[in-house]
Amino acid sequence: MTPADLLAICDSLNDERGTGGQSRLARLLGWHHTTVWRKLNGQSQISQSDELAIRQAVASLKASGSGVSR
């Protein structure tokens, strides 16, 4: 997963004002919001286990119908 892929996921989690996707993803994963920010900016590598956790969190949100816009 690249930072651009992660950005697309964060964007899909944004609220009606187009904000909050990074924080929402961090809450879903139990991460600090700056961890998501560092991965988006390439300061921290997105590992394979990170990618799996991110994809699982987004999939569970889609399955519950909790507002993923993609």
C-alpha atoms as a PDB file:
ATOM      1  CA  MET A   1       0.000   0.000   0.000  1.00  0.00           C
ATOM      2  CA  THR A   2       1.306   3.415  -0.940  1.00  0.00           C
ATOM      3  CA  PRO A   3       0.614   6.718   0.830  1.00  0.00           C
ATOM      4  CA  ALA A   4      -1.674   7.594  -2.115  1.00  0.00           C
ATOM      5  CA  ASP A   5      -3.721   4.430  -1.455  1.00  0.00           C
ATOM      6  CA  LEU A   6      -3.946   5.350   2.217  1.00  0.00           C
ATOM      7  CA  LEU A   7      -5.033   8.882   1.312  1.00  0.00           C
ATOM      8  CA  ALA A   8      -7.845   7.499  -0.844  1.00  0.00           C
ATOM      9  CA  ILE A   9      -9.019   5.378   2.094  1.00  0.00           C
ATOM     10  CA  CYS A  10      -8.892   8.358   4.459  1.00  0.00           C
ATOM     11  CA  ASP A  11     -10.830  10.445   1.951  1.00  0.00           C
ATOM     12  CA  SER A  12     -13.490   7.730   1.775  1.00  0.00           C
ATOM     13  CA  LEU A  13     -13.911   8.030   5.560  1.00  0.00           C
ATOM     14  CA  ASN A  14     -14.407  11.806   5.538  1.00  0.00           C
ATOM     15  CA  ASP A  15     -17.616  13.250   6.941  1.00  0.00           C
ATOM     16  CA  GLU A  16     -20.108  15.431   5.084  1.00  0.00           C
ATOM     17  CA  ARG A  17     -17.736  18.423   5.406  1.00  0.00           C
ATOM     18  CA  GLY A  18     -14.912  16.463   3.778  1.00  0.00           C
ATOM     19  CA  THR A  19     -12.888  16.172   6.987  1.00  0.00           C
ATOM     20  CA  GLY A  20     -12.074  13.667   9.703  1.00  0.00           C
ATOM     21  CA  GLY A  21     -11.027  10.630   7.667  1.00  0.00           C
ATOM     22  CA  GLN A  22      -7.535  10.360   9.168  1.00  0.00           C
ATOM     23  CA  SER A  23      -8.856  10.602  12.720  1.00  0.00           C
ATOM     24  CA  ARG A  24     -11.647   8.133  12.018  1.00  0.00           C
ATOM     25  CA  LEU A  25      -9.184   5.602  10.604  1.00  0.00           C
ATOM     26  CA  ALA A  26      -6.896   6.096  13.614  1.00  0.00           C
ATOM     27  CA  ARG A  27      -9.810   5.424  15.990  1.00  0.00           C
ATOM     28  CA  LEU A  28     -10.808   2.303  14.049  1.00  0.00           C
ATOM     29  CA  LEU A  29      -7.269   0.945  14.300  1.00  0.00           C
ATOM     30  CA  GLY A  30      -6.555   2.058  17.856  1.00  0.00           C
ATOM     31  CA  TRP A  31      -3.688   4.231  16.592  1.00  0.00           C
ATOM     32  CA  HIS A  32      -2.782   7.798  17.480  1.00  0.00           C
ATOM     33  CA  HIS A  33      -3.852  10.190  14.727  1.00  0.00           C
ATOM     34  CA  THR A  34      -0.242  11.235  14.118  1.00  0.00           C
ATOM     35  CA  THR A  35       0.620   7.639  13.194  1.00  0.00           C
ATOM     36  CA  VAL A  36      -1.783   7.872  10.249  1.00  0.00           C
ATOM     37  CA  TRP A  37      -0.369  11.312   9.362  1.00  0.00           C
ATOM     38  CA  ARG A  38       3.228   9.968   9.356  1.00  0.00           C
ATOM     39  CA  LYS A  39       2.241   7.076   7.102  1.00  0.00           C
ATOM     40  CA  LEU A  40       0.429   9.452   4.739  1.00  0.00           C
ATOM     41  CA  ASN A  41       3.481  11.671   4.501  1.00  0.00           C
ATOM     42  CA  GLY A  42       5.982   8.864   4.002  1.00  0.00           C
ATOM     43  CA  GLN A  43       7.706   9.470   7.339  1.00  0.00           C
ATOM     44  CA  SER A  44       6.702   5.998   8.514  1.00  0.00           C
ATOM     45  CA  GLN A  45       6.520   2.948   6.288  1.00  0.00           C
ATOM     46  CA  ILE A  46       3.175   1.238   5.725  1.00  0.00           C
ATOM     47  CA  SER A  47       3.941  -2.377   6.575  1.00  0.00           C
ATOM     48  CA  GLN A  48       2.069  -5.375   5.255  1.00  0.00           C
ATOM     49  CA  SER A  49       0.447  -5.872   8.666  1.00  0.00           C
ATOM     50  CA  ASP A  50      -0.612  -2.185   8.653  1.00  0.00           C
ATOM     51  CA  GLU A  51      -2.173  -2.672   5.236  1.00  0.00           C
ATOM     52  CA  LEU A  52      -4.066  -5.768   6.359  1.00  0.00           C
ATOM     53  CA  ALA A  53      -5.352  -4.000   9.483  1.00  0.00           C
ATOM     54  CA  ILE A  54      -6.433  -0.956   7.455  1.00  0.00           C
ATOM     55  CA  ARG A  55      -8.235  -3.040   4.854  1.00  0.00           C
ATOM     56  CA  GLN A  56      -9.948  -5.131   7.539  1.00  0.00           C
ATOM     57  CA  ALA A  57     -11.104  -2.010   9.422  1.00  0.00           C
ATOM     58  CA  VAL A  58     -12.535  -0.459   6.253  1.00  0.00           C
ATOM     59  CA  ALA A  59     -14.201  -3.734   5.251  1.00  0.00           C
ATOM     60  CA  SER A  60     -15.843  -4.074   8.665  1.00  0.00           C
ATOM     61  CA  LEU A  61     -17.122  -0.502   8.380  1.00  0.00           C
ATOM     62  CA  LYS A  62     -18.586  -1.236   4.952  1.00  0.00           C
ATOM     63  CA  ALA A  63     -20.197  -4.417   6.263  1.00  0.00           C
ATOM     64  CA  SER A  64     -21.807  -2.531   9.130  1.00  0.00           C
ATOM     65  CA  GLY A  65     -23.053   0.203   6.777  1.00  0.00           C
ATOM     66  CA  SER A  66     -21.378   2.934   8.818  1.00  0.00           C
ATOM     67  CA  GLY A  67     -20.657   5.344   6.019  1.00  0.00           C
ATOM     68  CA  VAL A  68     -17.678   4.527   3.847  1.00  0.00           C
ATOM     69  CA  SER A  69     -18.186   6.539   0.689  1.00  0.00           C
ATOM     70  CA  ARG A  70     -16.466   4.128  -1.706  1.00  0.00           C
END
